[in-house]
Amino acid sequence: MREQQIHTTLGQVHLYEAGEGSTTVMLLHGAGLDSAMLSWAEVMPLLAQHCHVIAVDLPGYGKSDRAVGFAGPEFYGKHLSALHQVVQQLKLEQFVLAGLSMGGALAIGYALAYPDEITALVPVDSWGLVGKMPMQRFYHWYVNTGLMKTSYRWMAQSNFLVRWSITSSLLGDKSKVSETLVQQLKELCGAEGAESAMQDFQRSSLTKTSAVPDYRAKLSQLQMPVLFVQGDKDPLVPTAAVEQATTSCNAALHLMAGCKHWAPKERPEEFVSVLWKWISSLSAAKSKAID
């Protein structure tokens, strides 16, 4: 695994690289306690057997710098700008972009903003596909209080709460909730300012009446092949919304049976198999068209 820091206007962005080859796949993680190596640690070595893989610690996560004053209407625009600076400095001309949850919304936004760079798009359990959440006003109130900080402090002291949080929303298979994972998340919860990145994301993504961004009306503008991957038991992103998005942009859809919101981490072998088979089919179709 290779690591490097890229300087952007939002500070240093840390990334991990593995594998070689003409195809590059960039992976974007989700919000909360997440980071490149938390969501993609199991996926990267498997995918690196086929291609060049890059996993990015988004600003405020993992080993990347935390930007000041990040929350607000420019939240997603700032992220996309930082990502574009990373792409430019890596001299990537065309690549496959995959993103999980918040990273899925960023991936869609990036593909809309820079379509010539993206050869294929893979939103995974993606944010950005609904107009509002159930109990929208309650969640808007909640994320604008100090309760999230309190809940993180509670989880930092309780194996039970961490396990409950994982099994209720992230992993459908309880056997995948290892003691190592529980202790890793407890440690992250106890870090100073652990809740800050999640608060920035949620406060930028929920108004009193709507979810931000809402890409539903823009999905038809996507010019590249799209594969949606979705845990069919995901309680955070409704499968019906993903199915509608698939229709909106004539995309492919792979449902991971029994998985919740962290589908690639729950079954990395299946995720990589499906992803690489799909990418290979696109390359084969392109070669055939040229011939």
Foldseek 3Di string as FASTA:
>chain_A
DDKDWAQDPQGTKIKDKAAADDAEEEEEEAFAQDAQCVQCVVQHVVLNVPHIYMYIGFAPYDPTHHGPPQADQCNLVVRLRRVVSVCVVVVQQAHAYEYAADGLVSQVVNCLVCVRRYQEYEYELYPQLDWADVVQQVLLVVLPDCVVLVLLLVLLPDLVSLLCVCCVAFFLDSVLCDPVNSNVSSVLSPDVCSCVRVSRVSNRQGDNGTGPPHCQVPLCVRDHAYEYEYACAHPPRHPVSVVSSCVSNVYHYDYDYRTYRSVCSNPVVVVSVVVVVVVVVVVVVVVVVVD
